[in-house]
């Protein structure tokens, strides 16, 4: 009985739409995860650069580095 429902044209739309929406959901969640990882990487690199700049300015202020 179930196979007859899936082989008819009106019944075949439901499994195909379910596969389409599940694959779209997987693709979107994968893209969001990649964006979050990229954002964290750039944020941590910016923090390191800011801290290095502050440290360099402190050393210049203490005249440890000749100009």
C-alpha atoms as a PDB file:
ATOM      1  CA  UNK A   1       0.000   0.000   0.000  1.00  0.00           C
ATOM      2  CA  UNK A   2       2.720   2.486   0.891  1.00  0.00           C
ATOM      3  CA  UNK A   3       4.678   1.838  -2.286  1.00  0.00           C
ATOM      4  CA  UNK A   4       1.590   2.518  -4.401  1.00  0.00           C
ATOM      5  CA  UNK A   5       1.255   5.908  -2.633  1.00  0.00           C
ATOM      6  CA  UNK A   6       4.884   6.808  -3.356  1.00  0.00           C
ATOM      7  CA  UNK A   7       4.735   5.803  -7.013  1.00  0.00           C
ATOM      8  CA  UNK A   8       1.731   7.982  -7.824  1.00  0.00           C
ATOM      9  CA  UNK A   9       2.548  11.486  -9.037  1.00  0.00           C
ATOM     10  CA  UNK A  10       0.794  13.281  -6.189  1.00  0.00           C
ATOM     11  CA  UNK A  11       2.396  11.075  -3.549  1.00  0.00           C
ATOM     12  CA  UNK A  12       5.918  11.422  -4.903  1.00  0.00           C
ATOM     13  CA  UNK A  13       5.934  15.170  -4.225  1.00  0.00           C
ATOM     14  CA  UNK A  14       6.051  14.772  -0.446  1.00  0.00           C
ATOM     15  CA  UNK A  15       9.251  12.701  -0.157  1.00  0.00           C
ATOM     16  CA  UNK A  16      10.972  14.854  -2.784  1.00  0.00           C
ATOM     17  CA  UNK A  17      10.039  18.063  -1.000  1.00  0.00           C
ATOM     18  CA  UNK A  18      11.212  16.582   2.290  1.00  0.00           C
ATOM     19  CA  UNK A  19      14.588  15.683   0.768  1.00  0.00           C
ATOM     20  CA  UNK A  20      14.866  19.154  -0.790  1.00  0.00           C
ATOM     21  CA  UNK A  21      14.113  20.994   2.459  1.00  0.00           C
ATOM     22  CA  UNK A  22      16.407  18.779   4.520  1.00  0.00           C
ATOM     23  CA  UNK A  23      19.274  19.327   2.086  1.00  0.00           C
ATOM     24  CA  UNK A  24      18.598  23.084   2.052  1.00  0.00           C
ATOM     25  CA  UNK A  25      18.555  23.142   5.857  1.00  0.00           C
ATOM     26  CA  UNK A  26      21.834  21.222   5.965  1.00  0.00           C
ATOM     27  CA  UNK A  27      23.455  23.592   3.467  1.00  0.00           C
ATOM     28  CA  UNK A  28      22.294  26.708   5.305  1.00  0.00           C
ATOM     29  CA  UNK A  29      23.439  25.418   8.700  1.00  0.00           C
ATOM     30  CA  UNK A  30      26.816  24.477   7.208  1.00  0.00           C
ATOM     31  CA  UNK A  31      27.229  27.998   5.762  1.00  0.00           C
ATOM     32  CA  UNK A  32      26.296  29.583   9.112  1.00  0.00           C
ATOM     33  CA  UNK A  33      28.807  27.377  10.907  1.00  0.00           C
ATOM     34  CA  UNK A  34      31.578  28.335   8.464  1.00  0.00           C
ATOM     35  CA  UNK A  35      30.745  32.033   8.869  1.00  0.00           C
ATOM     36  CA  UNK A  36      30.867  31.721  12.667  1.00  0.00           C
ATOM     37  CA  UNK A  37      34.286  30.049  12.522  1.00  0.00           C
ATOM     38  CA  UNK A  38      35.587  32.734  10.148  1.00  0.00           C
ATOM     39  CA  UNK A  39      34.221  35.497  12.384  1.00  0.00           C
ATOM     40  CA  UNK A  40      35.899  34.010  15.474  1.00  0.00           C
ATOM     41  CA  UNK A  41      39.198  33.721  13.600  1.00  0.00           C
ATOM     42  CA  UNK A  42      39.189  37.335  12.444  1.00  0.00           C
ATOM     43  CA  UNK A  43      38.062  38.532  15.867  1.00  0.00           C
ATOM     44  CA  UNK A  44      40.906  36.740  17.624  1.00  0.00           C
ATOM     45  CA  UNK A  45      43.433  38.025  15.071  1.00  0.00           C
ATOM     46  CA  UNK A  46      42.167  41.558  15.644  1.00  0.00           C
ATOM     47  CA  UNK A  47      42.551  41.152  19.410  1.00  0.00           C
ATOM     48  CA  UNK A  48      46.136  39.933  19.016  1.00  0.00           C
ATOM     49  CA  UNK A  49      46.965  42.844  16.713  1.00  0.00           C
ATOM     50  CA  UNK A  50      45.399  45.353  19.113  1.00  0.00           C
ATOM     51  CA  UNK A  51      47.307  43.936  22.066  1.00  0.00           C
ATOM     52  CA  UNK A  52      50.581  43.994  20.119  1.00  0.00           C
ATOM     53  CA  UNK A  53      49.981  47.618  19.130  1.00  0.00           C
ATOM     54  CA  UNK A  54      49.269  48.614  22.731  1.00  0.00           C
ATOM     55  CA  UNK A  55      52.404  46.807  23.915  1.00  0.00           C
ATOM     56  CA  UNK A  56      54.497  48.532  21.240  1.00  0.00           C
ATOM     57  CA  UNK A  57      53.139  51.947  22.227  1.00  0.00           C
ATOM     58  CA  UNK A  58      53.935  51.246  25.876  1.00  0.00           C
ATOM     59  CA  UNK A  59      57.524  50.304  24.976  1.00  0.00           C
ATOM     60  CA  UNK A  60      57.910  53.432  22.841  1.00  0.00           C
ATOM     61  CA  UNK A  61      56.568  55.505  25.737  1.00  0.00           C
ATOM     62  CA  UNK A  62      59.173  54.017  28.061  1.00  0.00           C
ATOM     63  CA  UNK A  63      61.912  54.771  25.498  1.00  0.00           C
ATOM     64  CA  UNK A  64      62.920  51.137  25.229  1.00  0.00           C
ATOM     65  CA  UNK A  65      62.811  51.222  21.438  1.00  0.00           C
ATOM     66  CA  UNK A  66      64.933  53.880  19.699  1.00  0.00           C
ATOM     67  CA  UNK A  67      63.102  55.818  17.021  1.00  0.00           C
END
